[in-house]
Amino acid sequence: MDGSKANFKYAFFVESADQRAVAVFTEHCGYFELAAFELRIETVIREIFTSRYPEVDDDDD
């Protein structure tokens, strides 16, 4: 490997059935087809939950 890296936010990948190729689909950068030879894919999953409703103060003071 030559040390090249690519980082994408909001992307997912699909590996071919014979595990020789990988397609990476991104939100804004299109998609990439890569040979799986010496390819390393790292995934980071971040789940962020937000509420549209204000928090309710349940104190009955």
C-alpha atoms as a PDB file:
ATOM      1  CA  MET A   1       0.000   0.000   0.000  1.00  0.00           C
ATOM      2  CA  ASP A   2       1.197   3.505  -0.750  1.00  0.00           C
ATOM      3  CA  GLY A   3      -0.435   5.144   2.272  1.00  0.00           C
ATOM      4  CA  SER A   4      -3.200   6.922   0.349  1.00  0.00           C
ATOM      5  CA  LYS A   5      -6.374   7.622   2.323  1.00  0.00           C
ATOM      6  CA  ALA A   6      -9.881   8.839   1.616  1.00  0.00           C
ATOM      7  CA  ASN A   7     -12.349   9.922   4.279  1.00  0.00           C
ATOM      8  CA  PHE A   8     -16.065  10.364   3.668  1.00  0.00           C
ATOM      9  CA  LYS A   9     -18.881  11.459   5.950  1.00  0.00           C
ATOM     10  CA  TYR A  10     -22.276   9.824   5.500  1.00  0.00           C
ATOM     11  CA  ALA A  11     -21.035   7.010   3.261  1.00  0.00           C
ATOM     12  CA  PHE A  12     -21.526   3.251   3.037  1.00  0.00           C
ATOM     13  CA  PHE A  13     -19.791   0.500   1.122  1.00  0.00           C
ATOM     14  CA  VAL A  14     -20.840  -2.678  -0.669  1.00  0.00           C
ATOM     15  CA  GLU A  15     -18.439  -5.538  -1.262  1.00  0.00           C
ATOM     16  CA  SER A  16     -18.754  -7.739  -4.354  1.00  0.00           C
ATOM     17  CA  ALA A  17     -19.766 -11.372  -3.879  1.00  0.00           C
ATOM     18  CA  ASP A  18     -16.306 -12.597  -4.884  1.00  0.00           C
ATOM     19  CA  GLN A  19     -14.679  -9.983  -2.583  1.00  0.00           C
ATOM     20  CA  ARG A  20     -12.553  -8.562  -5.398  1.00  0.00           C
ATOM     21  CA  ALA A  21     -14.138  -5.117  -5.534  1.00  0.00           C
ATOM     22  CA  VAL A  22     -15.748  -2.581  -3.250  1.00  0.00           C
ATOM     23  CA  ALA A  23     -18.112   0.265  -4.128  1.00  0.00           C
ATOM     24  CA  VAL A  24     -18.210   3.247  -1.781  1.00  0.00           C
ATOM     25  CA  PHE A  25     -21.325   5.421  -2.005  1.00  0.00           C
ATOM     26  CA  THR A  26     -21.092   8.929  -0.554  1.00  0.00           C
ATOM     27  CA  GLU A  27     -23.649  11.638   0.081  1.00  0.00           C
ATOM     28  CA  HIS A  28     -22.036  14.434  -1.941  1.00  0.00           C
ATOM     29  CA  CYS A  29     -19.024  12.921  -3.737  1.00  0.00           C
ATOM     30  CA  GLY A  30     -20.758  10.292  -5.883  1.00  0.00           C
ATOM     31  CA  TYR A  31     -19.528   6.727  -5.772  1.00  0.00           C
ATOM     32  CA  PHE A  32     -16.189   4.988  -6.176  1.00  0.00           C
ATOM     33  CA  GLU A  33     -15.391   1.487  -7.397  1.00  0.00           C
ATOM     34  CA  LEU A  34     -12.170   0.107  -5.925  1.00  0.00           C
ATOM     35  CA  ALA A  35     -10.240  -3.105  -6.325  1.00  0.00           C
ATOM     36  CA  ALA A  36     -10.222  -4.867  -2.970  1.00  0.00           C
ATOM     37  CA  PHE A  37      -6.562  -5.890  -3.296  1.00  0.00           C
ATOM     38  CA  GLU A  38      -4.732  -4.522  -0.230  1.00  0.00           C
ATOM     39  CA  LEU A  39      -7.724  -2.327   0.584  1.00  0.00           C
ATOM     40  CA  ARG A  40      -8.516  -1.537   4.193  1.00  0.00           C
ATOM     41  CA  ILE A  41     -11.883  -0.054   5.099  1.00  0.00           C
ATOM     42  CA  GLU A  42     -12.484   1.399   8.529  1.00  0.00           C
ATOM     43  CA  THR A  43     -15.974   2.313   9.623  1.00  0.00           C
ATOM     44  CA  VAL A  44     -17.055   4.702  12.320  1.00  0.00           C
ATOM     45  CA  ILE A  45     -20.689   4.714  13.313  1.00  0.00           C
ATOM     46  CA  ARG A  46     -21.992   7.773  15.082  1.00  0.00           C
ATOM     47  CA  GLU A  47     -25.579   7.957  16.150  1.00  0.00           C
ATOM     48  CA  ILE A  48     -26.876  11.390  17.000  1.00  0.00           C
ATOM     49  CA  PHE A  49     -30.394  11.767  18.284  1.00  0.00           C
ATOM     50  CA  THR A  50     -32.008  15.147  18.643  1.00  0.00           C
ATOM     51  CA  SER A  51     -35.474  16.094  19.731  1.00  0.00           C
ATOM     52  CA  ARG A  52     -37.720  18.625  18.076  1.00  0.00           C
ATOM     53  CA  TYR A  53     -39.521  19.129  21.356  1.00  0.00           C
ATOM     54  CA  PRO A  54     -38.218  21.108  24.329  1.00  0.00           C
ATOM     55  CA  GLU A  55     -37.355  19.148  27.430  1.00  0.00           C
ATOM     56  CA  VAL A  56     -40.085  19.060  30.058  1.00  0.00           C
ATOM     57  CA  ASP A  57     -39.156  19.882  33.636  1.00  0.00           C
ATOM     58  CA  ASP A  58     -40.959  17.285  35.786  1.00  0.00           C
ATOM     59  CA  ASP A  59     -40.192  18.996  39.123  1.00  0.00           C
ATOM     60  CA  ASP A  60     -43.395  19.403  41.098  1.00  0.00           C
ATOM     61  CA  ASP A  61     -42.009  22.003  43.530  1.00  0.00           C
END
